[in-house]
N, C-alpha and C. Protein backbone atom coordinates (compact mmCIF):
# COMPACT_ATOMS: atom_id res chain seq x y z
N MET A 1 0.78 -1.37 0.10
CA MET A 1 -0.09 -0.02 0.03
C MET A 1 0.95 1.30 0.06
N THR A 2 0.64 2.16 -0.85
CA THR A 2 1.28 3.38 -1.06
C THR A 2 0.76 4.38 -0.22
N LEU A 3 1.63 5.12 0.56
CA LEU A 3 1.29 6.31 1.50
C LEU A 3 1.65 7.52 0.72
N THR A 4 1.22 8.56 0.38
CA THR A 4 1.44 9.90 -0.39
C THR A 4 2.18 10.69 0.91
N GLN A 5 2.97 11.60 0.52
CA GLN A 5 3.50 12.63 1.23
C GLN A 5 2.27 13.75 1.97
N ARG A 6 1.32 14.02 1.16
CA ARG A 6 0.10 14.58 1.53
C ARG A 6 -0.85 13.87 2.52
N GLU A 7 -0.95 12.49 2.33
CA GLU A 7 -1.82 11.58 3.25
C GLU A 7 -1.07 11.61 4.73
N LEU A 8 0.27 11.56 4.64
CA LEU A 8 1.06 11.46 5.79
C LEU A 8 0.71 12.95 6.44
N GLU A 9 1.06 13.84 6.06
CA GLU A 9 1.01 15.31 6.49
C GLU A 9 -0.56 15.34 7.08
N ALA A 10 -1.70 14.94 6.40
CA ALA A 10 -2.95 14.73 7.01
C ALA A 10 -3.03 13.88 8.16
N LEU A 11 -2.33 12.97 8.12
CA LEU A 11 -2.21 11.93 9.40
C LEU A 11 -1.74 12.70 10.56
N VAL A 12 -0.67 13.37 10.29
CA VAL A 12 0.06 14.10 11.32
C VAL A 12 -0.95 15.19 12.05
N ASN A 13 -1.60 15.76 11.18
CA ASN A 13 -2.48 16.97 11.63
C ASN A 13 -3.66 16.10 12.40
N TRP A 14 -4.14 15.34 11.93
CA TRP A 14 -5.09 14.43 12.67
C TRP A 14 -4.70 14.01 14.02
N ALA A 15 -3.58 13.59 14.06
CA ALA A 15 -2.95 13.02 15.38
C ALA A 15 -2.62 14.15 16.26
N ARG A 16 -2.24 15.46 15.73
CA ARG A 16 -2.03 16.73 16.64
C ARG A 16 -3.14 17.05 17.22
N SER A 17 -4.28 17.27 16.11
CA SER A 17 -5.69 17.84 16.51
C SER A 17 -6.44 17.03 17.66
N GLY A 18 -6.20 15.87 17.95
CA GLY A 18 -6.77 15.09 19.03
C GLY A 18 -6.16 14.32 19.89
N SER A 19 -4.86 14.92 20.14
CA SER A 19 -3.71 14.48 21.10
C SER A 19 -3.63 12.99 21.06
N ARG A 20 -3.67 12.61 19.87
CA ARG A 20 -3.39 11.04 19.52
C ARG A 20 -1.86 10.64 19.41
N ARG A 21 -1.68 9.33 19.63
CA ARG A 21 -0.31 8.89 19.36
C ARG A 21 -0.56 7.60 18.57
N VAL A 22 0.14 7.47 17.37
CA VAL A 22 -0.21 6.42 16.53
C VAL A 22 1.46 5.86 16.42
N ARG A 23 1.42 4.49 16.61
CA ARG A 23 2.67 3.96 16.79
C ARG A 23 2.72 2.48 15.77
N ILE A 24 3.59 2.59 15.01
CA ILE A 24 3.54 1.82 13.73
C ILE A 24 4.76 0.84 13.74
N LYS A 25 4.48 -0.48 14.11
CA LYS A 25 5.52 -1.65 14.18
C LYS A 25 5.57 -2.18 13.05
N PHE A 26 7.00 -2.53 12.75
CA PHE A 26 7.22 -3.25 11.27
C PHE A 26 7.65 -4.72 11.65
N LYS A 27 7.43 -5.56 10.87
CA LYS A 27 8.03 -6.90 10.98
C LYS A 27 9.52 -7.11 10.72
N GLY A 28 10.01 -7.48 11.62
CA GLY A 28 11.51 -7.73 11.35
C GLY A 28 12.46 -6.64 11.81
N LEU A 29 11.93 -5.46 12.13
CA LEU A 29 12.70 -4.35 12.38
C LEU A 29 12.59 -3.96 13.94
N LYS A 30 13.70 -3.52 14.46
CA LYS A 30 13.94 -3.08 15.95
C LYS A 30 13.16 -1.66 16.05
N TYR A 31 12.95 -0.90 15.16
CA TYR A 31 12.41 0.34 15.14
C TYR A 31 10.96 0.51 14.67
N SER A 32 10.20 1.56 15.27
CA SER A 32 8.86 1.65 15.13
C SER A 32 8.80 3.29 14.42
N VAL A 33 7.60 3.59 14.10
CA VAL A 33 7.35 5.00 13.71
C VAL A 33 6.18 5.50 14.86
N LEU A 34 6.62 6.66 15.39
CA LEU A 34 5.65 7.39 16.31
C LEU A 34 5.00 8.44 15.75
N ILE A 35 3.85 8.69 15.66
CA ILE A 35 3.27 9.89 14.88
C ILE A 35 2.61 10.66 16.05
N SER A 36 2.74 11.72 16.48
CA SER A 36 1.95 12.46 17.43
C SER A 36 1.99 14.06 17.10
N ARG A 37 2.98 14.58 17.62
CA ARG A 37 2.95 15.90 17.18
C ARG A 37 4.02 15.99 15.97
N TYR A 38 4.74 14.94 15.82
CA TYR A 38 5.71 14.87 14.72
C TYR A 38 6.02 13.49 14.39
N VAL A 39 6.85 13.15 13.28
CA VAL A 39 6.84 11.95 13.00
C VAL A 39 8.36 11.38 13.47
N GLU A 40 8.53 10.35 14.21
CA GLU A 40 9.61 10.10 14.98
C GLU A 40 10.01 8.50 14.90
N ALA A 41 11.29 8.45 15.02
CA ALA A 41 11.43 7.04 15.22
C ALA A 41 11.71 6.54 16.65
N VAL A 42 11.20 5.34 16.96
CA VAL A 42 11.39 5.16 18.48
C VAL A 42 11.87 3.55 18.29
N ASP A 43 12.62 3.11 19.53
CA ASP A 43 12.92 1.77 19.75
C ASP A 43 11.85 0.95 20.47
N ALA A 44 12.06 -0.07 20.78
CA ALA A 44 11.14 -1.25 21.32
C ALA A 44 10.79 -0.60 22.61
N ALA A 45 11.38 0.06 23.33
CA ALA A 45 11.06 0.68 24.79
C ALA A 45 10.35 1.88 24.67
N GLY A 46 10.27 2.50 23.31
CA GLY A 46 9.62 3.71 23.28
C GLY A 46 10.53 5.06 23.25
N ARG A 47 11.79 4.82 23.28
CA ARG A 47 12.79 5.98 23.30
C ARG A 47 12.80 6.49 21.87
N ARG A 48 12.99 7.70 21.93
CA ARG A 48 13.44 8.34 20.56
C ARG A 48 14.67 7.86 20.02
N ALA A 49 14.79 7.68 18.85
CA ALA A 49 16.00 7.29 18.18
C ALA A 49 16.28 8.15 16.97
N PRO A 50 17.38 8.52 16.48
CA PRO A 50 17.71 9.23 15.29
C PRO A 50 17.23 8.50 14.15
N TRP A 51 16.45 9.46 13.25
CA TRP A 51 15.70 8.89 12.08
C TRP A 51 16.74 8.10 11.04
N GLN A 52 17.95 8.83 11.05
CA GLN A 52 19.14 8.23 10.10
C GLN A 52 19.63 6.86 10.75
N VAL A 53 19.62 6.60 11.91
CA VAL A 53 19.88 5.60 12.54
C VAL A 53 18.94 4.26 12.30
N ALA A 54 17.67 4.78 12.45
CA ALA A 54 16.47 3.74 12.37
C ALA A 54 16.40 3.28 10.93
N PHE A 55 16.36 4.24 10.02
CA PHE A 55 15.69 4.14 8.59
C PHE A 55 16.50 4.63 7.51
N GLY A 56 17.65 5.35 8.00
CA GLY A 56 18.60 5.76 6.90
C GLY A 56 18.03 6.97 6.29
N SER A 57 18.24 7.15 4.93
CA SER A 57 17.72 8.55 4.38
C SER A 57 16.37 8.43 3.71
N ARG A 58 15.70 7.24 4.02
CA ARG A 58 14.24 7.26 3.54
C ARG A 58 13.41 8.25 4.18
N PRO A 59 12.55 8.85 3.30
CA PRO A 59 11.55 9.77 4.23
C PRO A 59 10.40 9.07 4.73
N PRO A 60 9.72 9.44 5.74
CA PRO A 60 8.85 8.84 6.44
C PRO A 60 7.67 8.27 5.57
N HIS A 61 7.17 9.00 4.67
CA HIS A 61 6.06 8.22 3.81
C HIS A 61 6.62 7.17 3.15
N ASP A 62 8.01 7.04 2.55
CA ASP A 62 8.42 6.00 1.92
C ASP A 62 8.75 4.75 2.96
N VAL A 63 9.10 5.03 3.99
CA VAL A 63 9.32 3.79 5.12
C VAL A 63 8.08 3.26 5.41
N LEU A 64 6.76 4.25 5.68
CA LEU A 64 5.54 3.40 5.93
C LEU A 64 4.92 2.82 4.67
N SER A 65 5.35 3.09 3.48
CA SER A 65 4.88 2.37 2.18
C SER A 65 5.83 1.08 1.87
N SER A 66 7.01 1.09 2.55
CA SER A 66 8.02 0.14 2.07
C SER A 66 8.15 -1.16 2.80
N PHE A 67 7.83 -1.14 4.21
CA PHE A 67 8.17 -1.98 5.08
C PHE A 67 6.97 -2.89 5.49
N SER A 68 6.71 -3.98 5.72
CA SER A 68 5.80 -4.78 6.11
C SER A 68 5.27 -4.45 7.50
N ILE A 69 4.06 -4.18 7.86
CA ILE A 69 3.63 -3.61 8.96
C ILE A 69 2.96 -4.92 9.91
N GLU A 70 3.33 -4.77 11.16
CA GLU A 70 3.19 -5.82 12.05
C GLU A 70 1.75 -5.20 12.89
N GLU A 71 2.04 -3.97 13.34
CA GLU A 71 0.78 -3.60 14.00
C GLU A 71 0.65 -2.09 14.09
N ILE A 72 -0.53 -1.45 13.88
CA ILE A 72 -0.63 0.01 14.29
C ILE A 72 -1.49 0.03 15.35
N ALA A 73 -0.99 0.87 16.56
CA ALA A 73 -1.86 1.00 17.53
C ALA A 73 -1.93 2.44 17.72
N VAL A 74 -3.17 2.92 17.97
CA VAL A 74 -3.54 4.24 18.05
C VAL A 74 -3.99 4.43 19.46
N ASP A 75 -3.60 5.56 20.33
CA ASP A 75 -3.91 5.95 21.61
C ASP A 75 -4.75 7.25 21.59
N GLU A 76 -5.81 7.36 22.02
CA GLU A 76 -6.77 8.53 22.14
C GLU A 76 -7.87 8.47 23.02
N ALA A 77 -7.69 9.63 23.59
CA ALA A 77 -8.81 9.71 24.88
C ALA A 77 -8.96 8.64 25.65
N GLY A 78 -7.77 8.22 26.11
CA GLY A 78 -7.65 6.98 27.25
C GLY A 78 -7.98 5.74 26.75
N SER A 79 -8.20 5.69 25.50
CA SER A 79 -8.48 4.39 24.74
C SER A 79 -7.45 3.84 23.79
N SER A 80 -7.15 2.48 23.31
CA SER A 80 -6.29 2.24 22.44
C SER A 80 -7.04 1.31 21.45
N LYS A 81 -6.81 1.62 20.18
CA LYS A 81 -7.31 0.92 18.98
C LYS A 81 -6.16 0.51 18.24
N THR A 82 -6.48 -0.96 17.41
CA THR A 82 -5.27 -1.22 16.67
C THR A 82 -5.78 -1.66 15.35
N PHE A 83 -4.93 -1.48 14.65
CA PHE A 83 -5.29 -1.66 12.94
C PHE A 83 -4.21 -2.47 12.26
N ALA A 84 -4.43 -3.22 11.22
CA ALA A 84 -3.67 -4.00 10.60
C ALA A 84 -2.83 -3.38 9.37
N THR A 85 -3.53 -2.18 8.82
CA THR A 85 -3.02 -1.67 7.65
C THR A 85 -2.99 -0.15 7.81
N ILE A 86 -2.10 0.42 6.93
CA ILE A 86 -2.08 2.09 6.83
C ILE A 86 -3.69 2.25 6.19
N SER A 87 -3.93 1.69 5.26
CA SER A 87 -5.50 1.87 4.59
C SER A 87 -6.53 2.12 5.60
N ASP A 88 -6.54 0.98 6.76
CA ASP A 88 -7.45 1.03 7.72
C ASP A 88 -7.36 2.28 8.78
N LEU A 89 -6.12 2.58 8.94
CA LEU A 89 -5.71 3.73 9.64
C LEU A 89 -6.46 5.09 9.17
N LEU A 90 -6.08 5.11 7.85
CA LEU A 90 -6.46 6.31 7.20
C LEU A 90 -7.98 6.42 6.92
N LYS A 91 -8.67 5.30 6.76
CA LYS A 91 -10.08 5.26 6.68
C LYS A 91 -10.76 5.73 8.17
N HIS A 92 -10.14 5.29 9.24
CA HIS A 92 -10.57 5.50 10.70
C HIS A 92 -10.19 7.11 10.77
N ALA A 93 -9.28 7.72 10.23
CA ALA A 93 -9.08 8.99 10.50
C ALA A 93 -9.69 9.88 9.41
N GLY A 94 -10.44 9.31 8.59
CA GLY A 94 -11.16 10.19 7.71
C GLY A 94 -10.46 10.67 6.52
N ILE A 95 -9.17 10.25 6.34
CA ILE A 95 -8.28 10.79 5.24
C ILE A 95 -8.49 10.11 3.92
N ARG A 96 -8.94 9.03 3.99
CA ARG A 96 -9.26 7.93 2.68
C ARG A 96 -10.40 7.32 3.15
N ARG A 97 -11.34 6.95 1.81
CA ARG A 97 -12.51 6.20 1.88
C ARG A 97 -12.17 4.92 1.77
């Protein structure tokens, strides 16, 4: 599934507007992507990691489109929801139909 730069920007704005945290875990990688106020790389313990160390020179939308996703967890308003694909997350956020 391909994620565009524009869709990623809309996802970041959605996360900011509702004080949400979106954590995307990838199969076979020790780093995840965290989207809250910004797009960041985090390790398994949730600590920030330099993007270059975690994903090299790939931009965030390319990382989210290229690697196989294990789980997407969204924390909002005291509850947590999980999704299997970026497409499901974008539908939940109202970004994609």
